PDB file of N, CA and C in Angstrom:
ATOM      1  N   MET A   1      47.964  96.028  83.855  1.00  0.00           N
ATOM      2  CA  MET A   1      48.685  94.777  84.779  1.00  0.00           C
ATOM      3  C   MET A   1      49.814  94.914  85.167  1.00  0.00           C
ATOM      4  N   THR A   2      49.639  94.085  86.386  1.00  0.00           N
ATOM      5  CA  THR A   2      50.814  94.303  87.038  1.00  0.00           C
ATOM      6  C   THR A   2      51.429  92.719  87.112  1.00  0.00           C
ATOM      7  N   VAL A   3      52.481  92.605  87.482  1.00  0.00           N
ATOM      8  CA  VAL A   3      52.849  90.833  87.532  1.00  0.00           C
ATOM      9  C   VAL A   3      53.625  90.999  88.695  1.00  0.00           C
ATOM     10  N   LEU A   4      53.266  89.974  89.598  1.00  0.00           N
ATOM     11  CA  LEU A   4      54.146  89.807  90.990  1.00  0.00           C
ATOM     12  C   LEU A   4      55.221  89.004  90.678  1.00  0.00           C
ATOM     13  N   PRO A   5      56.391  88.967  90.911  1.00  0.00           N
ATOM     14  CA  PRO A   5      57.234  88.262  90.964  1.00  0.00           C
ATOM     15  C   PRO A   5      57.354  87.502  91.702  1.00  0.00           C
ATOM     16  N   GLN A   6      57.705  86.053  91.426  1.00  0.00           N
ATOM     17  CA  GLN A   6      57.718  84.681  91.795  1.00  0.00           C
ATOM     18  C   GLN A   6      58.852  83.658  91.983  1.00  0.00           C
ATOM     19  N   PRO A   7      58.660  83.372  93.362  1.00  0.00           N
ATOM     20  CA  PRO A   7      59.880  82.454  93.413  1.00  0.00           C
ATOM     21  C   PRO A   7      60.869  81.974  92.243  1.00  0.00           C
ATOM     22  N   LEU A   8      62.209  81.816  91.856  1.00  0.00           N
ATOM     23  CA  LEU A   8      62.422  80.932  90.360  1.00  0.00           C
ATOM     24  C   LEU A   8      64.199  80.303  91.334  1.00  0.00           C
ATOM     25  N   PRO A   9      63.645  78.796  91.177  1.00  0.00           N
ATOM     26  CA  PRO A   9      64.937  78.433  92.074  1.00  0.00           C
ATOM     27  C   PRO A   9      66.046  78.491  91.024  1.00  0.00           C
ATOM     28  N   PHE A  10      67.130  78.734  91.474  1.00  0.00           N
ATOM     29  CA  PHE A  10      68.253  79.154  90.653  1.00  0.00           C
ATOM     30  C   PHE A  10      69.451  78.105  91.415  1.00  0.00           C
ATOM     31  N   VAL A  11      70.521  77.832  90.895  1.00  0.00           N
ATOM     32  CA  VAL A  11      71.856  77.420  90.773  1.00  0.00           C
ATOM     33  C   VAL A  11      73.303  78.027  91.071  1.00  0.00           C
ATOM     34  N   MET A  12      73.788  78.312  92.388  1.00  0.00           N
ATOM     35  CA  MET A  12      75.279  78.788  92.138  1.00  0.00           C
ATOM     36  C   MET A  12      76.259  77.935  92.420  1.00  0.00           C
ATOM     37  N   PRO A  13      77.034  77.166  91.439  1.00  0.00           N
ATOM     38  CA  PRO A  13      78.115  76.522  91.988  1.00  0.00           C
ATOM     39  C   PRO A  13      79.220  76.827  92.852  1.00  0.00           C
ATOM     40  N   PHE A  14      79.620  75.918  93.607  1.00  0.00           N
ATOM     41  CA  PHE A  14      81.075  76.510  94.082  1.00  0.00           C
ATOM     42  C   PHE A  14      81.920  75.251  94.188  1.00  0.00           C
ATOM     43  N   TYR A  15      83.477  75.790  93.996  1.00  0.00           N
ATOM     44  CA  TYR A  15      84.242  74.786  93.809  1.00  0.00           C
ATOM     45  C   TYR A  15      85.086  74.531  94.726  1.00  0.00           C
ATOM     46  N   GLN A  16      85.467  75.569  95.966  1.00  0.00           N
ATOM     47  CA  GLN A  16      86.266  75.482  97.006  1.00  0.00           C
ATOM     48  C   GLN A  16      85.044  75.311  98.434  1.00  0.00           C
ATOM     49  N   TRP A  17      85.790  75.352  99.314  1.00  0.00           N
ATOM     50  CA  TRP A  17      84.529  74.876 100.806  1.00  0.00           C
ATOM     51  C   TRP A  17      84.466  76.325 101.366  1.00  0.00           C
ATOM     52  N   TRP A  18      85.098  77.055 101.060  1.00  0.00           N
ATOM     53  CA  TRP A  18      84.944  78.521 101.240  1.00  0.00           C
ATOM     54  C   TRP A  18      83.860  79.351 101.001  1.00  0.00           C
ATOM     55  N   GLU A  19      83.707  79.005  99.247  1.00  0.00           N
ATOM     56  CA  GLU A  19      82.785  79.479  98.884  1.00  0.00           C
ATOM     57  C   GLU A  19      81.308  79.408  99.434  1.00  0.00           C
ATOM     58  N   ALA A  20      81.386  78.020  99.529  1.00  0.00           N
ATOM     59  CA  ALA A  20      79.946  77.793 100.327  1.00  0.00           C
ATOM     60  C   ALA A  20      79.509  78.873 101.424  1.00  0.00           C
ATOM     61  N   ALA A  21      80.113  78.954 102.534  1.00  0.00           N
ATOM     62  CA  ALA A  21      80.271  79.577 103.472  1.00  0.00           C
ATOM     63  C   ALA A  21      80.218  81.404 103.344  1.00  0.00           C
ATOM     64  N   PHE A  22      80.703  81.473 101.942  1.00  0.00           N
ATOM     65  CA  PHE A  22      80.666  83.233 101.276  1.00  0.00           C
ATOM     66  C   PHE A  22      79.373  83.209 100.757  1.00  0.00           C
ATOM     67  N   TYR A  23      78.776  82.537  99.782  1.00  0.00           N
ATOM     68  CA  TYR A  23      77.269  82.819  99.378  1.00  0.00           C
ATOM     69  C   TYR A  23      76.710  82.334 100.687  1.00  0.00           C
ATOM     70  N   GLY A  24      76.507  81.543 101.427  1.00  0.00           N
ATOM     71  CA  GLY A  24      75.542  81.356 102.434  1.00  0.00           C
ATOM     72  C   GLY A  24      75.276  82.658 103.295  1.00  0.00           C
ATOM     73  N   VAL A  25      76.706  83.072 103.593  1.00  0.00           N
ATOM     74  CA  VAL A  25      75.981  84.354 104.523  1.00  0.00           C
ATOM     75  C   VAL A  25      75.768  85.403 103.757  1.00  0.00           C
ATOM     76  N   GLY A  26      75.893  85.548 102.444  1.00  0.00           N
ATOM     77  CA  GLY A  26      75.402  86.585 101.536  1.00  0.00           C
ATOM     78  C   GLY A  26      74.423  86.482 101.559  1.00  0.00           C
ATOM     79  N   LEU A  27      74.003  85.045 100.636  1.00  0.00           N
ATOM     80  CA  LEU A  27      72.256  85.207 100.948  1.00  0.00           C
ATOM     81  C   LEU A  27      71.553  84.979 102.017  1.00  0.00           C
ATOM     82  N   LYS A  28      72.099  84.615 102.841  1.00  0.00           N
ATOM     83  CA  LYS A  28      71.264  85.066 104.477  1.00  0.00           C
ATOM     84  C   LYS A  28      71.042  86.174 104.967  1.00  0.00           C
ATOM     85  N   ALA A  29      72.199  87.236 104.463  1.00  0.00           N
ATOM     86  CA  ALA A  29      72.179  88.362 104.982  1.00  0.00           C
ATOM     87  C   ALA A  29      71.119  89.153 103.933  1.00  0.00           C
ATOM     88  N   TYR A  30      70.458  88.739 102.737  1.00  0.00           N
ATOM     89  CA  TYR A  30      69.619  88.899 101.626  1.00  0.00           C
ATOM     90  C   TYR A  30      68.059  88.923 102.660  1.00  0.00           C
ATOM     91  N   ASP A  31      67.697  87.554 102.663  1.00  0.00           N
ATOM     92  CA  ASP A  31      66.906  86.981 103.349  1.00  0.00           C
ATOM     93  C   ASP A  31      66.744  87.994 104.498  1.00  0.00           C
ATOM     94  N   LEU A  32      67.799  88.119 105.468  1.00  0.00           N
ATOM     95  CA  LEU A  32      67.028  88.766 106.299  1.00  0.00           C
ATOM     96  C   LEU A  32      66.615  90.416 106.097  1.00  0.00           C
ATOM     97  N   LEU A  33      67.479  91.098 105.259  1.00  0.00           N
ATOM     98  CA  LEU A  33      67.481  92.377 105.225  1.00  0.00           C
ATOM     99  C   LEU A  33      65.986  92.359 104.271  1.00  0.00           C
ATOM    100  N   ALA A  34      65.836  91.598 103.422  1.00  0.00           N
ATOM    101  CA  ALA A  34      64.362  91.517 102.513  1.00  0.00           C
ATOM    102  C   ALA A  34      63.318  91.276 102.967  1.00  0.00           C
ATOM    103  N   GLY A  35      63.496  90.626 104.471  1.00  0.00           N
ATOM    104  CA  GLY A  35      62.173  90.520 105.710  1.00  0.00           C
ATOM    105  C   GLY A  35      60.703  89.705 104.917  1.00  0.00           C
ATOM    106  N   MET A  36      59.591  90.195 104.886  1.00  0.00           N
ATOM    107  CA  MET A  36      58.720  89.576 104.038  1.00  0.00           C
ATOM    108  C   MET A  36      58.493  90.084 102.923  1.00  0.00           C
ATOM    109  N   ALA A  37      58.831  91.015 102.471  1.00  0.00           N
ATOM    110  CA  ALA A  37      59.491  91.442 101.202  1.00  0.00           C
ATOM    111  C   ALA A  37      60.292  90.372  99.952  1.00  0.00           C
ATOM    112  N   GLY A  38      60.587  89.806 100.813  1.00  0.00           N
ATOM    113  CA  GLY A  38      61.924  88.543 100.230  1.00  0.00           C
ATOM    114  C   GLY A  38      60.715  87.320  99.583  1.00  0.00           C
ATOM    115  N   LEU A  39      61.645  86.992  98.617  1.00  0.00           N
ATOM    116  CA  LEU A  39      60.972  86.003  97.509  1.00  0.00           C
ATOM    117  C   LEU A  39      60.956  84.151  98.252  1.00  0.00           C
ATOM    118  N   GLY A  40      61.210  84.381  99.657  1.00  0.00           N
ATOM    119  CA  GLY A  40      61.867  82.873 100.053  1.00  0.00           C
ATOM    120  C   GLY A  40      62.885  82.683 100.456  1.00  0.00           C
ATOM    121  N   GLN A  41      63.208  81.597 101.500  1.00  0.00           N
ATOM    122  CA  GLN A  41      64.645  81.355 101.846  1.00  0.00           C
ATOM    123  C   GLN A  41      65.428  80.614 100.923  1.00  0.00           C
ATOM    124  N   ALA A  42      66.901  81.100 100.867  1.00  0.00           N
ATOM    125  CA  ALA A  42      67.927  80.562  99.949  1.00  0.00           C
ATOM    126  C   ALA A  42      68.097  79.441 101.057  1.00  0.00           C
ATOM    127  N   VAL A  43      68.672  78.697 100.173  1.00  0.00           N
ATOM    128  CA  VAL A  43      68.821  76.934 100.522  1.00  0.00           C
ATOM    129  C   VAL A  43      69.874  76.911  99.949  1.00  0.00           C
ATOM    130  N   LEU A  44      71.057  76.138 100.873  1.00  0.00           N
ATOM    131  CA  LEU A  44      72.141  75.021 100.320  1.00  0.00           C
ATOM    132  C   LEU A  44      71.654  73.968 100.218  1.00  0.00           C
ATOM    133  N   VAL A  45      72.260  73.188  99.012  1.00  0.00           N
ATOM    134  CA  VAL A  45      71.559  72.451  98.395  1.00  0.00           C
ATOM    135  C   VAL A  45      73.429  71.562  97.833  1.00  0.00           C
ATOM    136  N   ASP A  46      73.667  70.248  97.815  1.00  0.00           N
ATOM    137  CA  ASP A  46      74.398  69.596  97.213  1.00  0.00           C
ATOM    138  C   ASP A  46      74.328  69.768  95.808  1.00  0.00           C
ATOM    139  N   GLY A  47      75.037  68.898  95.355  1.00  0.00           N
ATOM    140  CA  GLY A  47      74.979  68.406  93.544  1.00  0.00           C
ATOM    141  C   GLY A  47      73.965  67.800  93.509  1.00  0.00           C
ATOM    142  N   PHE A  48      74.330  66.413  94.022  1.00  0.00           N
ATOM    143  CA  PHE A  48      73.101  65.496  94.158  1.00  0.00           C
ATOM    144  C   PHE A  48      71.844  65.549  94.349  1.00  0.00           C
ATOM    145  N   LEU A  49      71.406  66.631  95.501  1.00  0.00           N
ATOM    146  CA  LEU A  49      70.064  66.804  95.439  1.00  0.00           C
ATOM    147  C   LEU A  49      69.669  67.636  94.285  1.00  0.00           C
ATOM    148  N   ALA A  50      70.455  68.368  94.224  1.00  0.00           N
ATOM    149  CA  ALA A  50      70.096  69.715  92.835  1.00  0.00           C
ATOM    150  C   ALA A  50      69.877  68.966  91.300  1.00  0.00           C
ATOM    151  N   LEU A  51      70.594  67.680  91.294  1.00  0.00           N
ATOM    152  CA  LEU A  51      69.995  66.633  90.177  1.00  0.00           C
ATOM    153  C   LEU A  51      68.540  65.791  90.302  1.00  0.00           C
ATOM    154  N   ALA A  52      68.627  65.833  91.872  1.00  0.00           N
ATOM    155  CA  ALA A  52      67.395  64.956  91.783  1.00  0.00           C
ATOM    156  C   ALA A  52      66.430  65.653  91.816  1.00  0.00           C
ATOM    157  N   ARG A  53      66.487  66.605  92.179  1.00  0.00           N
ATOM    158  CA  ARG A  53      65.173  67.985  92.346  1.00  0.00           C
ATOM    159  C   ARG A  53      65.317  68.476  90.704  1.00  0.00           C
ATOM    160  N   ARG A  54      65.759  68.365  89.760  1.00  0.00           N
ATOM    161  CA  ARG A  54      65.576  68.541  88.766  1.00  0.00           C
ATOM    162  C   ARG A  54      66.240  70.418  88.709  1.00  0.00           C
ATOM    163  N   TYR A  55      67.015  70.581  89.745  1.00  0.00           N
ATOM    164  CA  TYR A  55      67.423  72.220  89.436  1.00  0.00           C
ATOM    165  C   TYR A  55      68.015  72.367  88.177  1.00  0.00           C
ATOM    166  N   ILE A  56      68.628  71.571  88.414  1.00  0.00           N
ATOM    167  CA  ILE A  56      69.757  71.298  86.848  1.00  0.00           C
ATOM    168  C   ILE A  56      68.862  70.279  85.549  1.00  0.00           C
ATOM    169  N   SER A  57      69.243  70.980  84.397  1.00  0.00           N
ATOM    170  CA  SER A  57      68.137  70.289  83.759  1.00  0.00           C
ATOM    171  C   SER A  57      69.622  69.799  82.666  1.00  0.00           C
TER     172      SER A  57
END
C-alpha cells in the first residue's frame, strides 16, 4: 500500500527581524526547486494569525 504525502502545517518561530527574511528566502527557494512535486507554497504568518488559525495549540 502506497501512502502519498499530505501537507502538514508547521510553525517556525523567529525572534529577530532578519530571521523572517532568512527563512522566507529559504522556503521560497525550496518551493521553486520542488516545483510541482512540492507539497504547497510556504506562507509567512505573524503570531496572531497563527494563533487564530490554531497552527499553535
